[in-house]
């Protein structure tokens, strides 16, 4: 049985979907020198069928790439409560900031509890995501949960998004056409 100290050579990486993980996870692993552990924690994704597809695709990719994979409990009702009052916010608005904060804090707590060396996310590979905001929220989550290092990145640089498209095609991965929440789907 592995002890928690075995995780000191690993980085916990929040992943929202397999396409973003294709290029994002290897880049984070390479840039840190740490072994990646993929963490799928996405109660924002609706409907549940969409959540299941993204979960299965991420798990399948992780197995193919030989990445350790863990997932969190799916709890969409709790997520809906957390963004109540922000349903009509535009994409990249306050609702998204709340959503990012929630999932980065869950990742930071999981990284702290699991004794990982650091944590990060692949969100910044998307041209639709604000890397500055995500990195700020990651640093805040780091401070809130015991100063576990948050690895700041802007993975869309050096054609990261283009690379993720190419790899998604190569691996025949499902590519969604909306961020994930019910509110982004209807826009």
C-alpha atoms as a PDB file:
ATOM      1  CA  UNK A   1       0.000   0.000   0.000  1.00  0.00           C
ATOM      2  CA  UNK A   2       1.315   3.456  -0.917  1.00  0.00           C
ATOM      3  CA  UNK A   3       1.702   6.063   1.775  1.00  0.00           C
ATOM      4  CA  UNK A   4       0.725   9.710   1.376  1.00  0.00           C
ATOM      5  CA  UNK A   5       4.405  10.614   1.222  1.00  0.00           C
ATOM      6  CA  UNK A   6       4.554   8.838  -2.159  1.00  0.00           C
ATOM      7  CA  UNK A   7       2.529  11.766  -3.532  1.00  0.00           C
ATOM      8  CA  UNK A   8       5.359  14.247  -2.848  1.00  0.00           C
ATOM      9  CA  UNK A   9       6.705  13.515  -6.334  1.00  0.00           C
ATOM     10  CA  UNK A  10       3.314  14.256  -7.927  1.00  0.00           C
ATOM     11  CA  UNK A  11       1.258  17.219  -9.077  1.00  0.00           C
ATOM     12  CA  UNK A  12      -2.546  17.103  -8.799  1.00  0.00           C
ATOM     13  CA  UNK A  13      -3.995  18.579 -12.002  1.00  0.00           C
ATOM     14  CA  UNK A  14      -7.627  19.577 -12.253  1.00  0.00           C
ATOM     15  CA  UNK A  15      -8.979  18.476 -15.638  1.00  0.00           C
ATOM     16  CA  UNK A  16     -12.335  19.519 -17.056  1.00  0.00           C
ATOM     17  CA  UNK A  17     -12.223  17.405 -20.217  1.00  0.00           C
ATOM     18  CA  UNK A  18      -9.954  15.062 -22.130  1.00  0.00           C
ATOM     19  CA  UNK A  19      -9.192  17.487 -25.005  1.00  0.00           C
ATOM     20  CA  UNK A  20      -7.727  20.085 -22.633  1.00  0.00           C
ATOM     21  CA  UNK A  21      -5.733  17.368 -20.857  1.00  0.00           C
ATOM     22  CA  UNK A  22      -4.063  16.096 -24.055  1.00  0.00           C
ATOM     23  CA  UNK A  23      -1.521  18.909 -24.211  1.00  0.00           C
ATOM     24  CA  UNK A  24      -2.055  20.507 -20.783  1.00  0.00           C
ATOM     25  CA  UNK A  25      -1.157  17.587 -18.530  1.00  0.00           C
ATOM     26  CA  UNK A  26       2.144  16.726 -20.283  1.00  0.00           C
ATOM     27  CA  UNK A  27       3.192  20.391 -20.295  1.00  0.00           C
ATOM     28  CA  UNK A  28       2.524  20.773 -16.567  1.00  0.00           C
ATOM     29  CA  UNK A  29       4.357  17.535 -15.816  1.00  0.00           C
ATOM     30  CA  UNK A  30       7.330  18.576 -17.939  1.00  0.00           C
ATOM     31  CA  UNK A  31       7.479  22.110 -16.536  1.00  0.00           C
ATOM     32  CA  UNK A  32       7.427  20.894 -12.934  1.00  0.00           C
ATOM     33  CA  UNK A  33       9.290  17.600 -13.189  1.00  0.00           C
ATOM     34  CA  UNK A  34       6.450  16.007 -11.213  1.00  0.00           C
ATOM     35  CA  UNK A  35       4.332  12.991 -12.107  1.00  0.00           C
ATOM     36  CA  UNK A  36       0.798  14.050 -13.051  1.00  0.00           C
ATOM     37  CA  UNK A  37      -2.317  12.870 -11.263  1.00  0.00           C
ATOM     38  CA  UNK A  38      -5.478  13.816 -13.152  1.00  0.00           C
ATOM     39  CA  UNK A  39      -8.295  15.061 -10.906  1.00  0.00           C
ATOM     40  CA  UNK A  40     -11.769  15.179 -12.481  1.00  0.00           C
ATOM     41  CA  UNK A  41     -13.982  17.361 -10.261  1.00  0.00           C
ATOM     42  CA  UNK A  42     -16.713  18.956 -12.363  1.00  0.00           C
ATOM     43  CA  UNK A  43     -20.129  19.175 -10.721  1.00  0.00           C
ATOM     44  CA  UNK A  44     -20.789  22.209 -12.939  1.00  0.00           C
ATOM     45  CA  UNK A  45     -21.233  20.028 -16.019  1.00  0.00           C
ATOM     46  CA  UNK A  46     -24.827  19.563 -17.140  1.00  0.00           C
ATOM     47  CA  UNK A  47     -26.692  17.480 -18.013  1.00  0.00           C
ATOM     48  CA  UNK A  48     -25.459  14.365 -16.236  1.00  0.00           C
ATOM     49  CA  UNK A  49     -25.080  12.540 -19.563  1.00  0.00           C
ATOM     50  CA  UNK A  50     -22.582  15.213 -20.671  1.00  0.00           C
ATOM     51  CA  UNK A  51     -20.762  14.844 -17.353  1.00  0.00           C
ATOM     52  CA  UNK A  52     -20.511  11.065 -17.836  1.00  0.00           C
ATOM     53  CA  UNK A  53     -19.162  11.419 -21.383  1.00  0.00           C
ATOM     54  CA  UNK A  54     -16.449  13.860 -20.268  1.00  0.00           C
ATOM     55  CA  UNK A  55     -15.593  11.712 -17.253  1.00  0.00           C
ATOM     56  CA  UNK A  56     -15.275   8.552 -19.373  1.00  0.00           C
ATOM     57  CA  UNK A  57     -13.213  10.302 -22.070  1.00  0.00           C
ATOM     58  CA  UNK A  58     -10.838  11.753 -19.451  1.00  0.00           C
ATOM     59  CA  UNK A  59     -10.501   8.393 -17.740  1.00  0.00           C
ATOM     60  CA  UNK A  60      -9.868   6.681 -21.100  1.00  0.00           C
ATOM     61  CA  UNK A  61      -7.192   9.233 -22.050  1.00  0.00           C
ATOM     62  CA  UNK A  62      -5.549   8.924 -18.625  1.00  0.00           C
ATOM     63  CA  UNK A  63      -5.318   5.172 -19.018  1.00  0.00           C
ATOM     64  CA  UNK A  64      -3.860   5.503 -22.534  1.00  0.00           C
ATOM     65  CA  UNK A  65      -1.284   8.050 -21.320  1.00  0.00           C
ATOM     66  CA  UNK A  66      -0.578   6.080 -18.115  1.00  0.00           C
ATOM     67  CA  UNK A  67      -1.611   8.961 -15.865  1.00  0.00           C
ATOM     68  CA  UNK A  68      -3.051   8.242 -12.461  1.00  0.00           C
ATOM     69  CA  UNK A  69      -6.724   9.262 -12.467  1.00  0.00           C
ATOM     70  CA  UNK A  70      -9.047  10.182  -9.607  1.00  0.00           C
ATOM     71  CA  UNK A  71     -12.509  11.698  -9.675  1.00  0.00           C
ATOM     72  CA  UNK A  72     -14.676  13.570  -7.252  1.00  0.00           C
ATOM     73  CA  UNK A  73     -18.321  12.998  -6.396  1.00  0.00           C
ATOM     74  CA  UNK A  74     -20.765  14.534  -8.874  1.00  0.00           C
ATOM     75  CA  UNK A  75     -22.913  17.044  -6.987  1.00  0.00           C
ATOM     76  CA  UNK A  76     -24.659  19.381  -9.457  1.00  0.00           C
ATOM     77  CA  UNK A  77     -27.275  20.561  -6.931  1.00  0.00           C
ATOM     78  CA  UNK A  78     -24.547  22.003  -4.696  1.00  0.00           C
ATOM     79  CA  UNK A  79     -22.951  23.723  -7.694  1.00  0.00           C
ATOM     80  CA  UNK A  80     -26.293  25.264  -8.761  1.00  0.00           C
ATOM     81  CA  UNK A  81     -26.724  26.656  -5.225  1.00  0.00           C
ATOM     82  CA  UNK A  82     -23.251  28.194  -5.351  1.00  0.00           C
ATOM     83  CA  UNK A  83     -23.985  30.235  -8.498  1.00  0.00           C
ATOM     84  CA  UNK A  84     -27.554  31.187  -7.558  1.00  0.00           C
ATOM     85  CA  UNK A  85     -28.234  34.746  -8.661  1.00  0.00           C
ATOM     86  CA  UNK A  86     -25.568  34.598 -11.399  1.00  0.00           C
ATOM     87  CA  UNK A  87     -27.446  32.428 -13.892  1.00  0.00           C
ATOM     88  CA  UNK A  88     -27.706  35.234 -16.465  1.00  0.00           C
ATOM     89  CA  UNK A  89     -24.085  36.331 -16.253  1.00  0.00           C
ATOM     90  CA  UNK A  90     -22.243  36.245 -19.572  1.00  0.00           C
ATOM     91  CA  UNK A  91     -19.540  33.680 -20.257  1.00  0.00           C
ATOM     92  CA  UNK A  92     -16.337  34.801 -18.465  1.00  0.00           C
ATOM     93  CA  UNK A  93     -18.483  36.729 -15.959  1.00  0.00           C
ATOM     94  CA  UNK A  94     -18.929  36.431 -12.199  1.00  0.00           C
ATOM     95  CA  UNK A  95     -20.556  32.968 -12.444  1.00  0.00           C
ATOM     96  CA  UNK A  96     -17.446  31.584 -14.126  1.00  0.00           C
ATOM     97  CA  UNK A  97     -15.224  33.142 -11.470  1.00  0.00           C
ATOM     98  CA  UNK A  98     -17.289  31.473  -8.734  1.00  0.00           C
ATOM     99  CA  UNK A  99     -17.127  28.158 -10.595  1.00  0.00           C
ATOM    100  CA  UNK A 100     -13.351  28.369 -11.059  1.00  0.00           C
ATOM    101  CA  UNK A 101     -12.867  29.270  -7.401  1.00  0.00           C
ATOM    102  CA  UNK A 102     -14.940  26.314  -6.210  1.00  0.00           C
ATOM    103  CA  UNK A 103     -13.079  23.780  -8.312  1.00  0.00           C
ATOM    104  CA  UNK A 104      -9.630  25.212  -7.609  1.00  0.00           C
ATOM    105  CA  UNK A 105     -10.365  25.140  -3.889  1.00  0.00           C
ATOM    106  CA  UNK A 106     -11.527  21.522  -4.151  1.00  0.00           C
ATOM    107  CA  UNK A 107      -8.303  20.699  -5.977  1.00  0.00           C
ATOM    108  CA  UNK A 108      -6.142  22.549  -3.435  1.00  0.00           C
ATOM    109  CA  UNK A 109      -7.844  20.765  -0.541  1.00  0.00           C
ATOM    110  CA  UNK A 110      -7.447  17.391  -2.264  1.00  0.00           C
ATOM    111  CA  UNK A 111      -3.765  18.172  -2.950  1.00  0.00           C
ATOM    112  CA  UNK A 112      -3.187  19.167   0.680  1.00  0.00           C
ATOM    113  CA  UNK A 113      -5.035  16.141   2.068  1.00  0.00           C
ATOM    114  CA  UNK A 114      -3.157  13.843  -0.318  1.00  0.00           C
ATOM    115  CA  UNK A 115       0.251  15.378   0.433  1.00  0.00           C
ATOM    116  CA  UNK A 116       0.955  16.298  -3.204  1.00  0.00           C
ATOM    117  CA  UNK A 117       3.846  18.636  -4.039  1.00  0.00           C
ATOM    118  CA  UNK A 118       1.662  21.054  -5.995  1.00  0.00           C
ATOM    119  CA  UNK A 119      -1.591  21.508  -7.890  1.00  0.00           C
ATOM    120  CA  UNK A 120      -2.713  23.170 -11.096  1.00  0.00           C
ATOM    121  CA  UNK A 121      -5.349  23.078 -13.832  1.00  0.00           C
ATOM    122  CA  UNK A 122      -5.507  22.678 -17.617  1.00  0.00           C
ATOM    123  CA  UNK A 123      -8.140  25.414 -18.055  1.00  0.00           C
ATOM    124  CA  UNK A 124      -5.607  27.933 -19.306  1.00  0.00           C
ATOM    125  CA  UNK A 125      -5.163  25.984 -22.544  1.00  0.00           C
ATOM    126  CA  UNK A 126      -8.536  27.253 -23.734  1.00  0.00           C
ATOM    127  CA  UNK A 127      -8.692  30.522 -25.681  1.00  0.00           C
ATOM    128  CA  UNK A 128     -12.063  31.069 -23.945  1.00  0.00           C
ATOM    129  CA  UNK A 129     -10.559  31.110 -20.433  1.00  0.00           C
ATOM    130  CA  UNK A 130      -8.826  34.031 -18.713  1.00  0.00           C
ATOM    131  CA  UNK A 131      -5.429  32.693 -17.582  1.00  0.00           C
ATOM    132  CA  UNK A 132      -4.758  35.730 -15.375  1.00  0.00           C
ATOM    133  CA  UNK A 133      -7.996  35.182 -13.439  1.00  0.00           C
ATOM    134  CA  UNK A 134      -7.451  31.430 -13.150  1.00  0.00           C
ATOM    135  CA  UNK A 135      -3.890  31.874 -11.905  1.00  0.00           C
ATOM    136  CA  UNK A 136      -5.015  34.485  -9.340  1.00  0.00           C
ATOM    137  CA  UNK A 137      -7.749  32.175  -8.056  1.00  0.00           C
ATOM    138  CA  UNK A 138      -5.281  29.281  -7.925  1.00  0.00           C
ATOM    139  CA  UNK A 139      -2.910  31.331  -5.768  1.00  0.00           C
ATOM    140  CA  UNK A 140      -5.813  32.291  -3.485  1.00  0.00           C
ATOM    141  CA  UNK A 141      -6.790  28.623  -3.122  1.00  0.00           C
ATOM    142  CA  UNK A 142      -3.163  27.824  -2.336  1.00  0.00           C
ATOM    143  CA  UNK A 143      -3.126  30.336   0.521  1.00  0.00           C
ATOM    144  CA  UNK A 144      -6.476  29.139   1.823  1.00  0.00           C
ATOM    145  CA  UNK A 145      -5.344  25.502   1.934  1.00  0.00           C
ATOM    146  CA  UNK A 146      -1.994  25.469   3.672  1.00  0.00           C
ATOM    147  CA  UNK A 147       0.132  27.220   1.053  1.00  0.00           C
ATOM    148  CA  UNK A 148       0.382  24.147  -1.163  1.00  0.00           C
ATOM    149  CA  UNK A 149       2.053  25.481  -4.327  1.00  0.00           C
ATOM    150  CA  UNK A 150      -0.206  26.352  -7.230  1.00  0.00           C
ATOM    151  CA  UNK A 151       1.611  26.083 -10.562  1.00  0.00           C
ATOM    152  CA  UNK A 152       0.711  29.100 -12.665  1.00  0.00           C
ATOM    153  CA  UNK A 153       0.627  28.576 -16.407  1.00  0.00           C
ATOM    154  CA  UNK A 154      -0.837  29.979 -19.565  1.00  0.00           C
ATOM    155  CA  UNK A 155      -1.003  26.738 -21.513  1.00  0.00           C
ATOM    156  CA  UNK A 156      -2.454  28.360 -24.640  1.00  0.00           C
ATOM    157  CA  UNK A 157       0.986  29.914 -25.280  1.00  0.00           C
ATOM    158  CA  UNK A 158       3.307  28.181 -27.722  1.00  0.00           C
ATOM    159  CA  UNK A 159       0.242  26.937 -29.637  1.00  0.00           C
ATOM    160  CA  UNK A 160      -1.045  24.849 -26.725  1.00  0.00           C
ATOM    161  CA  UNK A 161      -4.652  25.015 -27.878  1.00  0.00           C
ATOM    162  CA  UNK A 162      -3.692  24.076 -31.445  1.00  0.00           C
ATOM    163  CA  UNK A 163      -1.723  21.118 -30.075  1.00  0.00           C
ATOM    164  CA  UNK A 164      -4.735  20.009 -28.016  1.00  0.00           C
ATOM    165  CA  UNK A 165      -6.929  20.074 -31.148  1.00  0.00           C
ATOM    166  CA  UNK A 166      -4.425  17.959 -33.058  1.00  0.00           C
ATOM    167  CA  UNK A 167      -4.076  15.428 -30.214  1.00  0.00           C
ATOM    168  CA  UNK A 168      -7.836  15.275 -29.663  1.00  0.00           C
ATOM    169  CA  UNK A 169      -8.256  14.352 -33.300  1.00  0.00           C
ATOM    170  CA  UNK A 170      -5.420  11.805 -33.125  1.00  0.00           C
ATOM    171  CA  UNK A 171      -6.969  10.100 -30.071  1.00  0.00           C
ATOM    172  CA  UNK A 172     -10.522  10.430 -31.487  1.00  0.00           C
ATOM    173  CA  UNK A 173     -11.743  12.236 -28.382  1.00  0.00           C
ATOM    174  CA  UNK A 174     -15.182  13.726 -27.875  1.00  0.00           C
ATOM    175  CA  UNK A 175     -14.958  17.528 -28.103  1.00  0.00           C
ATOM    176  CA  UNK A 176     -17.779  19.404 -26.448  1.00  0.00           C
ATOM    177  CA  UNK A 177     -19.198  22.614 -27.885  1.00  0.00           C
ATOM    178  CA  UNK A 178     -19.843  24.461 -24.607  1.00  0.00           C
ATOM    179  CA  UNK A 179     -17.988  25.030 -21.351  1.00  0.00           C
ATOM    180  CA  UNK A 180     -20.099  22.651 -19.338  1.00  0.00           C
ATOM    181  CA  UNK A 181     -22.706  24.389 -17.225  1.00  0.00           C
ATOM    182  CA  UNK A 182     -26.336  24.577 -18.212  1.00  0.00           C
ATOM    183  CA  UNK A 183     -26.070  28.359 -18.427  1.00  0.00           C
ATOM    184  CA  UNK A 184     -23.199  28.315 -20.916  1.00  0.00           C
ATOM    185  CA  UNK A 185     -25.057  25.758 -23.047  1.00  0.00           C
ATOM    186  CA  UNK A 186     -28.069  28.009 -23.568  1.00  0.00           C
ATOM    187  CA  UNK A 187     -26.020  31.021 -24.676  1.00  0.00           C
END
